Amino acid sequence: MGATRIAGVLVVAASLSACTAFNVATHRVSGDPVDAPGGTYRADPQHTSVTFDVDHLGFSRFVARFNEVAATLEAVPGAPEKSKLDVTIKAASVDTNVVELDRMLTGSDFFNAARYPDIRFVSTSIVRTSQGTGEVAGDLTMAGQTHPARFTVTFNGAAPDPLTGADKLGFSAEGTLDRSEWGLANWWPAVGNEVRFHIEAEFTKPES
């Protein structure tokens, strides 16, 4: 490669880097979901997390996470009650940072991931409680049993991604459930039945 061509490549690279830095520096999000473009969004797996914690012998809240989460949001910003959320979590992706405990949780005595590979939540109601908050209710299926679950949601913002230009939405959500309702009461009372969930999610609208 000649010196002139190398110099040209370096100029282009520097220009792209400067443009990206400028986009990031000037990036702003709207806190009002009505400003977001409607349509189908999918969770960005690199910027979406589902963590949960349970009481452990009264000493602490033991924290774990799921590593494989997929979700689709049919967003109707002007009428959020018409929006739909469908989330699928791979039960075998549970990660406690304890290898033996992961085996126990995915085994037949708990999630039974071989028989019931998916944990699924399908919304039945989305209610806006303020400009940036809401409640999502739906059916949660774990280990072959389906029961209602409810989460409070905070809308973090909407804007084009400064790195890709794709439309993005950001949410935080939390909720609690009684794991025994899904037949997952093993190890009580050493491990509490109340499970607290915390979710961080970025949704991207694919290019049409």
N, C-alpha and C. Protein backbone atom coordinates (compact mmCIF):
# COMPACT_ATOMS: atom_id res chain seq x y z
N MET A 1 0.86 -1.20 0.00
CA MET A 1 0.00 0.00 0.00
C MET A 1 0.89 1.24 0.00
N GLY A 2 0.66 2.16 -0.95
CA GLY A 2 1.49 3.33 -1.05
C GLY A 2 1.24 4.31 0.07
N ALA A 3 2.18 5.24 0.23
CA ALA A 3 2.08 6.22 1.30
C ALA A 3 0.85 7.09 1.15
N THR A 4 0.50 7.42 -0.11
CA THR A 4 -0.68 8.28 -0.33
C THR A 4 -1.95 7.58 0.10
N ARG A 5 -2.05 6.27 -0.23
CA ARG A 5 -3.24 5.51 0.13
C ARG A 5 -3.35 5.34 1.64
N ILE A 6 -2.21 5.07 2.28
CA ILE A 6 -2.19 4.93 3.74
C ILE A 6 -2.66 6.22 4.39
N ALA A 7 -2.17 7.35 3.87
CA ALA A 7 -2.57 8.65 4.43
C ALA A 7 -4.06 8.86 4.27
N GLY A 8 -4.61 8.43 3.11
CA GLY A 8 -6.05 8.58 2.88
C GLY A 8 -6.86 7.76 3.85
N VAL A 9 -6.42 6.51 4.08
CA VAL A 9 -7.11 5.64 5.03
C VAL A 9 -7.10 6.24 6.42
N LEU A 10 -5.95 6.78 6.81
CA LEU A 10 -5.83 7.37 8.14
C LEU A 10 -6.74 8.59 8.28
N VAL A 11 -6.87 9.39 7.23
CA VAL A 11 -7.74 10.56 7.26
C VAL A 11 -9.19 10.13 7.43
N VAL A 12 -9.62 9.10 6.67
CA VAL A 12 -10.99 8.60 6.78
C VAL A 12 -11.26 8.06 8.18
N ALA A 13 -10.32 7.27 8.71
CA ALA A 13 -10.47 6.69 10.04
C ALA A 13 -10.59 7.78 11.10
N ALA A 14 -9.73 8.81 10.96
CA ALA A 14 -9.77 9.91 11.91
C ALA A 14 -11.09 10.67 11.82
N SER A 15 -11.60 10.83 10.60
CA SER A 15 -12.87 11.54 10.42
C SER A 15 -14.02 10.76 11.05
N LEU A 16 -14.03 9.42 10.83
CA LEU A 16 -15.09 8.60 11.41
C LEU A 16 -15.02 8.63 12.94
N SER A 17 -13.82 8.55 13.48
CA SER A 17 -13.65 8.58 14.93
C SER A 17 -14.14 9.90 15.50
N ALA A 18 -13.80 10.99 14.83
CA ALA A 18 -14.23 12.31 15.30
C ALA A 18 -15.74 12.45 15.24
N CYS A 19 -16.32 11.91 14.14
CA CYS A 19 -17.77 11.97 13.98
C CYS A 19 -18.46 11.18 15.09
N THR A 20 -17.95 9.97 15.38
CA THR A 20 -18.52 9.14 16.44
C THR A 20 -18.42 9.83 17.79
N ALA A 21 -17.25 10.40 18.07
CA ALA A 21 -17.06 11.10 19.34
C ALA A 21 -18.03 12.27 19.47
N PHE A 22 -18.23 12.99 18.36
CA PHE A 22 -19.16 14.12 18.38
C PHE A 22 -20.58 13.64 18.64
N ASN A 23 -20.98 12.54 17.96
CA ASN A 23 -22.33 12.01 18.14
C ASN A 23 -22.58 11.60 19.59
N VAL A 24 -21.57 10.96 20.19
CA VAL A 24 -21.71 10.53 21.59
C VAL A 24 -21.79 11.74 22.52
N ALA A 25 -20.93 12.73 22.27
CA ALA A 25 -20.87 13.91 23.13
C ALA A 25 -22.16 14.71 23.08
N THR A 26 -22.80 14.73 21.93
CA THR A 26 -24.03 15.53 21.77
C THR A 26 -25.30 14.69 21.92
N HIS A 27 -25.15 13.42 22.27
CA HIS A 27 -26.29 12.51 22.38
C HIS A 27 -27.24 12.93 23.50
N ARG A 28 -28.51 12.99 23.19
CA ARG A 28 -29.55 13.29 24.17
C ARG A 28 -30.72 12.35 23.97
N VAL A 29 -31.38 11.97 25.05
CA VAL A 29 -32.55 11.10 24.95
C VAL A 29 -33.78 11.85 25.44
N SER A 30 -34.93 11.50 24.90
CA SER A 30 -36.20 12.06 25.36
C SER A 30 -36.76 11.18 26.47
N GLY A 31 -37.18 11.80 27.57
CA GLY A 31 -37.75 11.06 28.67
C GLY A 31 -39.23 10.81 28.55
N ASP A 32 -39.83 11.25 27.44
CA ASP A 32 -41.26 11.05 27.23
C ASP A 32 -41.45 9.97 26.17
N PRO A 33 -42.03 8.81 26.54
CA PRO A 33 -42.17 7.72 25.57
C PRO A 33 -43.02 8.08 24.36
N VAL A 34 -43.86 9.09 24.48
CA VAL A 34 -44.68 9.50 23.33
C VAL A 34 -43.81 9.96 22.17
N ASP A 35 -42.58 10.44 22.48
CA ASP A 35 -41.68 10.91 21.44
C ASP A 35 -41.02 9.77 20.66
N ALA A 36 -41.17 8.54 21.14
CA ALA A 36 -40.49 7.42 20.50
C ALA A 36 -41.23 6.96 19.25
N PRO A 37 -40.51 6.58 18.20
CA PRO A 37 -41.17 6.00 17.03
C PRO A 37 -41.82 4.67 17.40
N GLY A 38 -43.02 4.42 16.91
CA GLY A 38 -43.68 3.15 17.17
C GLY A 38 -43.11 2.05 16.29
N GLY A 39 -43.55 0.83 16.58
CA GLY A 39 -43.11 -0.30 15.77
C GLY A 39 -42.56 -1.43 16.61
N THR A 40 -41.92 -2.37 15.94
CA THR A 40 -41.38 -3.56 16.60
C THR A 40 -39.93 -3.32 17.01
N TYR A 41 -39.64 -3.54 18.27
CA TYR A 41 -38.29 -3.41 18.82
C TYR A 41 -37.85 -4.77 19.39
N ARG A 42 -36.56 -4.99 19.35
CA ARG A 42 -36.00 -6.21 19.95
C ARG A 42 -34.92 -5.83 20.97
N ALA A 43 -34.87 -6.61 22.05
CA ALA A 43 -33.89 -6.33 23.10
C ALA A 43 -32.48 -6.51 22.57
N ASP A 44 -31.62 -5.56 22.89
CA ASP A 44 -30.21 -5.63 22.56
C ASP A 44 -29.55 -6.55 23.59
N PRO A 45 -29.11 -7.76 23.20
CA PRO A 45 -28.59 -8.71 24.19
C PRO A 45 -27.35 -8.24 24.92
N GLN A 46 -26.59 -7.34 24.31
CA GLN A 46 -25.38 -6.84 24.96
C GLN A 46 -25.67 -5.76 25.99
N HIS A 47 -26.88 -5.22 25.97
CA HIS A 47 -27.23 -4.15 26.90
C HIS A 47 -28.56 -4.43 27.60
N THR A 48 -28.81 -5.72 27.83
CA THR A 48 -30.00 -6.14 28.55
C THR A 48 -29.59 -7.15 29.62
N SER A 49 -30.09 -6.99 30.82
CA SER A 49 -29.75 -7.91 31.90
C SER A 49 -30.96 -8.19 32.79
N VAL A 50 -31.03 -9.42 33.27
CA VAL A 50 -32.06 -9.83 34.23
C VAL A 50 -31.33 -10.41 35.43
N THR A 51 -31.39 -9.71 36.55
CA THR A 51 -30.79 -10.21 37.79
C THR A 51 -31.89 -10.43 38.83
N PHE A 52 -31.60 -11.28 39.80
CA PHE A 52 -32.57 -11.53 40.86
C PHE A 52 -31.83 -11.83 42.15
N ASP A 53 -32.52 -11.65 43.26
CA ASP A 53 -31.90 -11.95 44.55
C ASP A 53 -32.91 -12.57 45.50
N VAL A 54 -32.41 -13.39 46.42
CA VAL A 54 -33.24 -14.06 47.42
C VAL A 54 -32.52 -14.03 48.76
N ASP A 55 -33.29 -14.12 49.82
CA ASP A 55 -32.70 -14.14 51.16
C ASP A 55 -31.92 -15.43 51.36
N HIS A 56 -30.74 -15.32 51.96
CA HIS A 56 -29.91 -16.48 52.25
C HIS A 56 -29.63 -16.54 53.74
N LEU A 57 -30.40 -17.38 54.44
CA LEU A 57 -30.20 -17.62 55.87
C LEU A 57 -30.29 -16.36 56.72
N GLY A 58 -30.90 -15.32 56.17
CA GLY A 58 -31.00 -14.07 56.91
C GLY A 58 -29.73 -13.25 56.94
N PHE A 59 -28.66 -13.76 56.28
CA PHE A 59 -27.39 -13.05 56.29
C PHE A 59 -27.27 -12.03 55.17
N SER A 60 -27.85 -12.35 54.00
CA SER A 60 -27.68 -11.48 52.84
C SER A 60 -28.75 -11.80 51.81
N ARG A 61 -28.78 -10.98 50.76
CA ARG A 61 -29.57 -11.28 49.58
C ARG A 61 -28.61 -11.86 48.54
N PHE A 62 -28.80 -13.13 48.22
CA PHE A 62 -27.94 -13.80 47.26
C PHE A 62 -28.35 -13.37 45.85
N VAL A 63 -27.38 -12.90 45.05
CA VAL A 63 -27.66 -12.33 43.74
C VAL A 63 -27.21 -13.26 42.62
N ALA A 64 -28.07 -13.41 41.61
CA ALA A 64 -27.73 -14.21 40.43
C ALA A 64 -28.33 -13.54 39.20
N ARG A 65 -28.08 -14.12 38.02
CA ARG A 65 -28.56 -13.51 36.79
C ARG A 65 -28.84 -14.59 35.75
N PHE A 66 -29.54 -14.19 34.70
CA PHE A 66 -29.70 -15.03 33.52
C PHE A 66 -28.89 -14.39 32.39
N ASN A 67 -28.15 -15.22 31.67
CA ASN A 67 -27.26 -14.70 30.64
C ASN A 67 -27.85 -14.67 29.24
N GLU A 68 -28.97 -15.35 29.02
CA GLU A 68 -29.57 -15.38 27.69
C GLU A 68 -31.01 -14.90 27.77
N VAL A 69 -31.22 -13.69 27.28
CA VAL A 69 -32.54 -13.04 27.33
C VAL A 69 -32.87 -12.51 25.94
N ALA A 70 -34.06 -12.82 25.46
CA ALA A 70 -34.55 -12.28 24.19
C ALA A 70 -35.92 -11.67 24.45
N ALA A 71 -36.22 -10.55 23.80
CA ALA A 71 -37.51 -9.91 24.02
C ALA A 71 -37.91 -9.12 22.80
N THR A 72 -39.23 -9.07 22.56
CA THR A 72 -39.80 -8.27 21.49
C THR A 72 -40.82 -7.32 22.08
N LEU A 73 -40.74 -6.06 21.71
CA LEU A 73 -41.68 -5.05 22.17
C LEU A 73 -42.40 -4.46 20.96
N GLU A 74 -43.71 -4.62 20.94
CA GLU A 74 -44.54 -3.95 19.94
C GLU A 74 -44.98 -2.63 20.56
N ALA A 75 -44.27 -1.56 20.21
CA ALA A 75 -44.45 -0.27 20.89
C ALA A 75 -45.49 0.59 20.18
N VAL A 76 -46.45 1.07 20.97
CA VAL A 76 -47.44 2.04 20.49
C VAL A 76 -47.34 3.24 21.44
N PRO A 77 -46.36 4.13 21.21
CA PRO A 77 -46.08 5.20 22.18
C PRO A 77 -47.27 6.08 22.51
N GLY A 78 -48.12 6.37 21.55
CA GLY A 78 -49.26 7.23 21.81
C GLY A 78 -50.36 6.56 22.59
N ALA A 79 -50.34 5.24 22.64
CA ALA A 79 -51.35 4.47 23.37
C ALA A 79 -50.65 3.25 23.98
N PRO A 80 -49.87 3.47 25.05
CA PRO A 80 -49.04 2.39 25.60
C PRO A 80 -49.83 1.15 26.02
N GLU A 81 -51.12 1.34 26.32
CA GLU A 81 -51.93 0.18 26.72
C GLU A 81 -52.10 -0.80 25.56
N LYS A 82 -51.80 -0.36 24.34
CA LYS A 82 -51.88 -1.25 23.18
C LYS A 82 -50.54 -1.92 22.87
N SER A 83 -49.50 -1.55 23.58
CA SER A 83 -48.19 -2.15 23.38
C SER A 83 -48.18 -3.59 23.90
N LYS A 84 -47.27 -4.39 23.36
CA LYS A 84 -47.15 -5.79 23.75
C LYS A 84 -45.68 -6.13 24.00
N LEU A 85 -45.45 -6.91 25.06
CA LEU A 85 -44.09 -7.33 25.42
C LEU A 85 -44.04 -8.85 25.52
N ASP A 86 -43.04 -9.44 24.90
CA ASP A 86 -42.86 -10.89 24.93
C ASP A 86 -41.39 -11.17 25.23
N VAL A 87 -41.12 -11.82 26.36
CA VAL A 87 -39.75 -12.05 26.83
C VAL A 87 -39.50 -13.55 26.98
N THR A 88 -38.37 -14.01 26.47
CA THR A 88 -37.97 -15.40 26.65
C THR A 88 -36.58 -15.46 27.25
N ILE A 89 -36.47 -16.19 28.36
CA ILE A 89 -35.19 -16.37 29.06
C ILE A 89 -34.85 -17.85 29.03
N LYS A 90 -33.63 -18.16 28.68
CA LYS A 90 -33.18 -19.55 28.69
C LYS A 90 -32.87 -19.96 30.13
N ALA A 91 -33.62 -20.94 30.63
CA ALA A 91 -33.44 -21.37 32.02
C ALA A 91 -32.02 -21.88 32.27
N ALA A 92 -31.44 -22.51 31.27
CA ALA A 92 -30.09 -23.06 31.43
C ALA A 92 -29.02 -21.99 31.52
N SER A 93 -29.38 -20.74 31.27
CA SER A 93 -28.39 -19.66 31.33
C SER A 93 -28.27 -19.03 32.70
N VAL A 94 -28.95 -19.61 33.71
CA VAL A 94 -28.86 -19.05 35.06
C VAL A 94 -27.40 -19.08 35.51
N ASP A 95 -26.97 -18.00 36.14
CA ASP A 95 -25.56 -17.84 36.51
C ASP A 95 -25.48 -17.31 37.94
N THR A 96 -25.09 -18.20 38.85
CA THR A 96 -24.96 -17.82 40.26
C THR A 96 -23.52 -17.57 40.67
N ASN A 97 -22.59 -17.80 39.75
CA ASN A 97 -21.15 -17.75 40.02
C ASN A 97 -20.70 -18.92 40.90
N VAL A 98 -21.58 -19.93 41.03
CA VAL A 98 -21.25 -21.16 41.76
C VAL A 98 -21.64 -22.32 40.84
N VAL A 99 -20.67 -23.00 40.27
CA VAL A 99 -20.93 -24.00 39.24
C VAL A 99 -21.87 -25.08 39.72
N GLU A 100 -21.66 -25.60 40.91
CA GLU A 100 -22.50 -26.68 41.42
C GLU A 100 -23.93 -26.20 41.64
N LEU A 101 -24.09 -24.97 42.10
CA LEU A 101 -25.44 -24.44 42.29
C LEU A 101 -26.14 -24.24 40.95
N ASP A 102 -25.41 -23.81 39.94
CA ASP A 102 -26.00 -23.69 38.60
C ASP A 102 -26.54 -25.04 38.13
N ARG A 103 -25.77 -26.12 38.37
CA ARG A 103 -26.23 -27.45 37.99
C ARG A 103 -27.50 -27.84 38.73
N MET A 104 -27.56 -27.51 40.01
CA MET A 104 -28.75 -27.84 40.80
C MET A 104 -29.97 -27.06 40.31
N LEU A 105 -29.79 -25.79 39.99
CA LEU A 105 -30.91 -24.96 39.55
C LEU A 105 -31.44 -25.38 38.18
N THR A 106 -30.58 -25.82 37.30
CA THR A 106 -31.02 -26.22 35.96
C THR A 106 -31.49 -27.67 35.92
N GLY A 107 -31.26 -28.41 37.01
CA GLY A 107 -31.63 -29.82 37.06
C GLY A 107 -33.11 -30.06 37.30
N SER A 108 -33.48 -31.34 37.39
CA SER A 108 -34.89 -31.73 37.47
C SER A 108 -35.55 -31.32 38.78
N ASP A 109 -34.77 -31.00 39.81
CA ASP A 109 -35.36 -30.60 41.09
C ASP A 109 -35.73 -29.12 41.14
N PHE A 110 -35.36 -28.38 40.08
CA PHE A 110 -35.70 -26.95 40.11
C PHE A 110 -36.25 -26.52 38.74
N PHE A 111 -35.51 -25.78 37.94
CA PHE A 111 -36.04 -25.30 36.67
C PHE A 111 -36.30 -26.44 35.67
N ASN A 112 -35.58 -27.55 35.82
CA ASN A 112 -35.71 -28.67 34.89
C ASN A 112 -35.56 -28.16 33.45
N ALA A 113 -34.41 -27.53 33.20
CA ALA A 113 -34.19 -26.85 31.93
C ALA A 113 -34.22 -27.78 30.72
N ALA A 114 -33.92 -29.06 30.92
CA ALA A 114 -33.97 -30.00 29.81
C ALA A 114 -35.40 -30.19 29.31
N ARG A 115 -36.36 -30.20 30.24
CA ARG A 115 -37.77 -30.38 29.88
C ARG A 115 -38.46 -29.05 29.60
N TYR A 116 -38.08 -28.02 30.36
CA TYR A 116 -38.70 -26.70 30.21
C TYR A 116 -37.59 -25.67 29.96
N PRO A 117 -37.10 -25.60 28.73
CA PRO A 117 -35.92 -24.76 28.46
C PRO A 117 -36.17 -23.26 28.56
N ASP A 118 -37.44 -22.84 28.42
CA ASP A 118 -37.72 -21.40 28.37
C ASP A 118 -38.50 -20.92 29.59
N ILE A 119 -38.09 -19.78 30.10
CA ILE A 119 -38.89 -18.99 31.04
C ILE A 119 -39.49 -17.86 30.20
N ARG A 120 -40.81 -17.73 30.21
CA ARG A 120 -41.43 -16.78 29.28
C ARG A 120 -42.41 -15.87 30.00
N PHE A 121 -42.36 -14.59 29.64
CA PHE A 121 -43.30 -13.60 30.13
C PHE A 121 -43.98 -12.95 28.94
N VAL A 122 -45.32 -12.96 28.96
CA VAL A 122 -46.11 -12.33 27.91
C VAL A 122 -47.05 -11.34 28.56
N SER A 123 -46.95 -10.09 28.17
CA SER A 123 -47.75 -9.05 28.81
C SER A 123 -49.24 -9.21 28.48
N THR A 124 -50.06 -8.87 29.47
CA THR A 124 -51.51 -8.82 29.28
C THR A 124 -52.05 -7.42 29.53
N SER A 125 -51.24 -6.57 30.18
CA SER A 125 -51.67 -5.21 30.49
C SER A 125 -50.45 -4.32 30.66
N ILE A 126 -50.47 -3.15 30.02
CA ILE A 126 -49.43 -2.13 30.20
C ILE A 126 -50.15 -0.83 30.53
N VAL A 127 -49.84 -0.29 31.70
CA VAL A 127 -50.51 0.92 32.17
C VAL A 127 -49.47 1.99 32.46
N ARG A 128 -49.66 3.17 31.89
CA ARG A 128 -48.77 4.30 32.16
C ARG A 128 -49.23 4.99 33.44
N THR A 129 -48.32 5.12 34.42
CA THR A 129 -48.67 5.73 35.70
C THR A 129 -48.19 7.17 35.82
N SER A 130 -47.24 7.56 34.99
CA SER A 130 -46.77 8.95 34.91
C SER A 130 -46.04 9.08 33.59
N GLN A 131 -45.43 10.24 33.32
CA GLN A 131 -44.75 10.42 32.03
C GLN A 131 -43.71 9.35 31.79
N GLY A 132 -42.96 9.00 32.82
CA GLY A 132 -41.86 8.08 32.62
C GLY A 132 -41.96 6.77 33.38
N THR A 133 -43.14 6.43 33.91
CA THR A 133 -43.29 5.19 34.66
C THR A 133 -44.54 4.44 34.23
N GLY A 134 -44.56 3.17 34.56
CA GLY A 134 -45.73 2.37 34.23
C GLY A 134 -45.70 1.04 34.97
N GLU A 135 -46.73 0.25 34.77
CA GLU A 135 -46.82 -1.10 35.32
C GLU A 135 -47.14 -2.07 34.20
N VAL A 136 -46.42 -3.17 34.18
CA VAL A 136 -46.64 -4.21 33.18
C VAL A 136 -47.06 -5.48 33.91
N ALA A 137 -48.21 -6.00 33.56
CA ALA A 137 -48.69 -7.27 34.10
C ALA A 137 -48.74 -8.29 32.98
N GLY A 138 -48.58 -9.55 33.34
CA GLY A 138 -48.63 -10.58 32.32
C GLY A 138 -48.56 -11.97 32.90
N ASP A 139 -48.42 -12.93 32.02
CA ASP A 139 -48.32 -14.34 32.40
C ASP A 139 -46.87 -14.77 32.36
N LEU A 140 -46.39 -15.30 33.49
CA LEU A 140 -45.01 -15.76 33.59
C LEU A 140 -45.01 -17.28 33.70
N THR A 141 -44.30 -17.92 32.79
CA THR A 141 -44.21 -19.39 32.77
C THR A 141 -42.81 -19.81 33.16
N MET A 142 -42.73 -20.64 34.21
CA MET A 142 -41.46 -21.22 34.66
C MET A 142 -41.72 -22.67 35.04
N ALA A 143 -40.79 -23.54 34.66
CA ALA A 143 -40.87 -24.96 35.04
C ALA A 143 -42.23 -25.56 34.73
N GLY A 144 -42.83 -25.13 33.62
CA GLY A 144 -44.08 -25.70 33.18
C GLY A 144 -45.33 -25.15 33.82
N GLN A 145 -45.20 -24.17 34.71
CA GLN A 145 -46.36 -23.57 35.35
C GLN A 145 -46.47 -22.09 34.98
N THR A 146 -47.70 -21.63 34.78
CA THR A 146 -47.95 -20.24 34.39
C THR A 146 -48.80 -19.55 35.44
N HIS A 147 -48.33 -18.39 35.90
CA HIS A 147 -49.06 -17.59 36.89
C HIS A 147 -48.86 -16.12 36.57
N PRO A 148 -49.74 -15.26 37.09
CA PRO A 148 -49.59 -13.82 36.83
C PRO A 148 -48.35 -13.26 37.52
N ALA A 149 -47.77 -12.24 36.91
CA ALA A 149 -46.65 -11.51 37.49
C ALA A 149 -46.79 -10.05 37.08
N ARG A 150 -46.23 -9.18 37.91
CA ARG A 150 -46.36 -7.74 37.67
C ARG A 150 -45.03 -7.05 37.95
N PHE A 151 -44.69 -6.07 37.11
CA PHE A 151 -43.44 -5.34 37.26
C PHE A 151 -43.71 -3.84 37.14
N THR A 152 -42.98 -3.05 37.90
CA THR A 152 -43.01 -1.60 37.72
C THR A 152 -41.88 -1.23 36.76
N VAL A 153 -42.17 -0.29 35.88
CA VAL A 153 -41.24 0.04 34.80
C VAL A 153 -40.94 1.53 34.80
N THR A 154 -39.67 1.85 34.60
CA THR A 154 -39.24 3.23 34.39
C THR A 154 -38.72 3.37 32.97
N PHE A 155 -39.27 4.34 32.25
CA PHE A 155 -38.80 4.62 30.89
C PHE A 155 -37.60 5.54 30.99
N ASN A 156 -36.45 5.06 30.52
CA ASN A 156 -35.21 5.83 30.66
C ASN A 156 -34.98 6.81 29.51
N GLY A 157 -35.48 6.49 28.32
CA GLY A 157 -35.29 7.43 27.23
C GLY A 157 -35.41 6.80 25.86
N ALA A 158 -35.65 7.66 24.88
CA ALA A 158 -35.73 7.25 23.48
C ALA A 158 -34.89 8.19 22.64
N ALA A 159 -34.18 7.62 21.67
CA ALA A 159 -33.34 8.41 20.76
C ALA A 159 -32.69 7.48 19.76
N PRO A 160 -32.20 8.02 18.66
CA PRO A 160 -31.36 7.22 17.78
C PRO A 160 -30.05 6.89 18.51
N ASP A 161 -29.57 5.67 18.33
CA ASP A 161 -28.28 5.28 18.89
C ASP A 161 -27.19 6.12 18.23
N PRO A 162 -26.37 6.81 19.02
CA PRO A 162 -25.34 7.68 18.42
C PRO A 162 -24.27 6.91 17.68
N LEU A 163 -24.17 5.61 17.92
CA LEU A 163 -23.14 4.81 17.25
C LEU A 163 -23.65 4.15 15.97
N THR A 164 -24.96 3.81 15.94
CA THR A 164 -25.50 3.08 14.80
C THR A 164 -26.59 3.83 14.05
N GLY A 165 -27.22 4.80 14.70
CA GLY A 165 -28.32 5.53 14.09
C GLY A 165 -29.67 4.86 14.24
N ALA A 166 -29.71 3.63 14.77
CA ALA A 166 -30.97 2.90 14.93
C ALA A 166 -31.78 3.50 16.08
N ASP A 167 -33.11 3.48 15.94
CA ASP A 167 -33.97 3.95 17.03
C ASP A 167 -33.85 3.02 18.22
N LYS A 168 -33.73 3.62 19.42
CA LYS A 168 -33.57 2.83 20.64
C LYS A 168 -34.47 3.33 21.74
N LEU A 169 -34.90 2.39 22.60
CA LEU A 169 -35.66 2.69 23.81
C LEU A 169 -34.94 2.05 24.98
N GLY A 170 -34.96 2.70 26.14
CA GLY A 170 -34.33 2.14 27.33
C GLY A 170 -35.29 2.08 28.49
N PHE A 171 -35.26 0.96 29.22
CA PHE A 171 -36.16 0.75 30.36
C PHE A 171 -35.42 0.13 31.53
N SER A 172 -35.91 0.42 32.73
CA SER A 172 -35.55 -0.32 33.94
C SER A 172 -36.85 -0.87 34.52
N ALA A 173 -36.79 -2.07 35.10
CA ALA A 173 -38.00 -2.66 35.68
C ALA A 173 -37.62 -3.47 36.91
N GLU A 174 -38.57 -3.58 37.82
CA GLU A 174 -38.35 -4.41 39.01
C GLU A 174 -39.67 -4.98 39.49
N GLY A 175 -39.56 -6.06 40.23
CA GLY A 175 -40.77 -6.69 40.76
C GLY A 175 -40.39 -7.81 41.72
N THR A 176 -41.37 -8.37 42.36
CA THR A 176 -41.15 -9.49 43.27
C THR A 176 -42.14 -10.60 42.94
N LEU A 177 -41.76 -11.81 43.28
CA LEU A 177 -42.68 -12.94 43.15
C LEU A 177 -42.35 -13.97 44.21
N ASP A 178 -43.32 -14.84 44.45
CA ASP A 178 -43.16 -15.94 45.39
C ASP A 178 -42.85 -17.19 44.56
N ARG A 179 -41.62 -17.66 44.63
CA ARG A 179 -41.20 -18.77 43.77
C ARG A 179 -41.99 -20.04 44.04
N SER A 180 -42.53 -20.18 45.25
CA SER A 180 -43.28 -21.40 45.57
C SER A 180 -44.55 -21.52 44.74
N GLU A 181 -45.08 -20.39 44.23
CA GLU A 181 -46.28 -20.45 43.40
C GLU A 181 -46.02 -21.19 42.10
N TRP A 182 -44.77 -21.25 41.67
CA TRP A 182 -44.40 -21.97 40.45
C TRP A 182 -43.85 -23.37 40.79
N GLY A 183 -44.05 -23.80 42.02
CA GLY A 183 -43.56 -25.10 42.44
C GLY A 183 -42.07 -25.16 42.66
N LEU A 184 -41.46 -24.00 42.89
CA LEU A 184 -40.01 -23.91 43.05
C LEU A 184 -39.66 -23.53 44.49
N ALA A 185 -40.12 -24.35 45.43
CA ALA A 185 -39.95 -24.01 46.85
C ALA A 185 -38.78 -24.74 47.52
N ASN A 186 -37.95 -25.40 46.73
CA ASN A 186 -36.83 -26.14 47.31
C ASN A 186 -35.93 -25.24 48.15
N TRP A 187 -35.39 -25.83 49.21
CA TRP A 187 -34.39 -25.23 50.10
C TRP A 187 -34.95 -24.16 51.03
N TRP A 188 -36.27 -24.00 51.06
CA TRP A 188 -36.87 -23.11 52.07
C TRP A 188 -36.81 -23.83 53.42
N PRO A 189 -36.52 -23.16 54.55
CA PRO A 189 -36.38 -21.71 54.72
C PRO A 189 -34.95 -21.18 54.61
N ALA A 190 -33.99 -22.04 54.30
CA ALA A 190 -32.62 -21.55 54.16
C ALA A 190 -32.54 -20.51 53.06
N VAL A 191 -33.33 -20.71 52.00
CA VAL A 191 -33.43 -19.75 50.90
C VAL A 191 -34.86 -19.22 50.88
N GLY A 192 -35.01 -17.92 50.92
CA GLY A 192 -36.34 -17.32 50.98
C GLY A 192 -37.17 -17.59 49.75
N ASN A 193 -38.48 -17.53 49.90
CA ASN A 193 -39.39 -17.73 48.76
C ASN A 193 -39.59 -16.44 47.95
N GLU A 194 -39.41 -15.28 48.59
CA GLU A 194 -39.59 -14.03 47.86
C GLU A 194 -38.37 -13.78 46.98
N VAL A 195 -38.62 -13.64 45.69
CA VAL A 195 -37.56 -13.35 44.72
C VAL A 195 -37.76 -11.94 44.19
N ARG A 196 -36.71 -11.14 44.25
CA ARG A 196 -36.77 -9.78 43.71
C ARG A 196 -36.02 -9.75 42.39
N PHE A 197 -36.69 -9.23 41.36
CA PHE A 197 -36.10 -9.12 40.03
C PHE A 197 -35.73 -7.68 39.72
N HIS A 198 -34.62 -7.52 39.01
CA HIS A 198 -34.24 -6.20 38.49
C HIS A 198 -33.82 -6.37 37.03
N ILE A 199 -34.40 -5.55 36.17
CA ILE A 199 -34.19 -5.69 34.73
C ILE A 199 -33.72 -4.35 34.15
N GLU A 200 -32.69 -4.42 33.33
CA GLU A 200 -32.24 -3.27 32.55
C GLU A 200 -32.29 -3.69 31.09
N ALA A 201 -32.94 -2.89 30.26
CA ALA A 201 -33.11 -3.31 28.87
C ALA A 201 -33.01 -2.14 27.90
N GLU A 202 -32.27 -2.37 26.83
CA GLU A 202 -32.26 -1.47 25.69
C GLU A 202 -32.89 -2.20 24.51
N PHE A 203 -33.88 -1.56 23.90
CA PHE A 203 -34.58 -2.15 22.75
C PHE A 203 -34.20 -1.38 21.50
N THR A 204 -33.90 -2.11 20.44
CA THR A 204 -33.50 -1.53 19.17
C THR A 204 -34.54 -1.84 18.11
N LYS A 205 -34.86 -0.84 17.29
CA LYS A 205 -35.79 -1.05 16.18
C LYS A 205 -34.99 -1.42 14.95
N PRO A 206 -35.14 -2.66 14.48
CA PRO A 206 -34.37 -3.07 13.29
C PRO A 206 -34.72 -2.23 12.07
N GLU A 207 -33.75 -2.07 11.20
CA GLU A 207 -34.00 -1.34 9.97
C GLU A 207 -34.95 -2.14 9.09
N SER A 208 -35.93 -1.45 8.51
CA SER A 208 -36.91 -2.11 7.66
C SER A 208 -36.35 -2.36 6.27
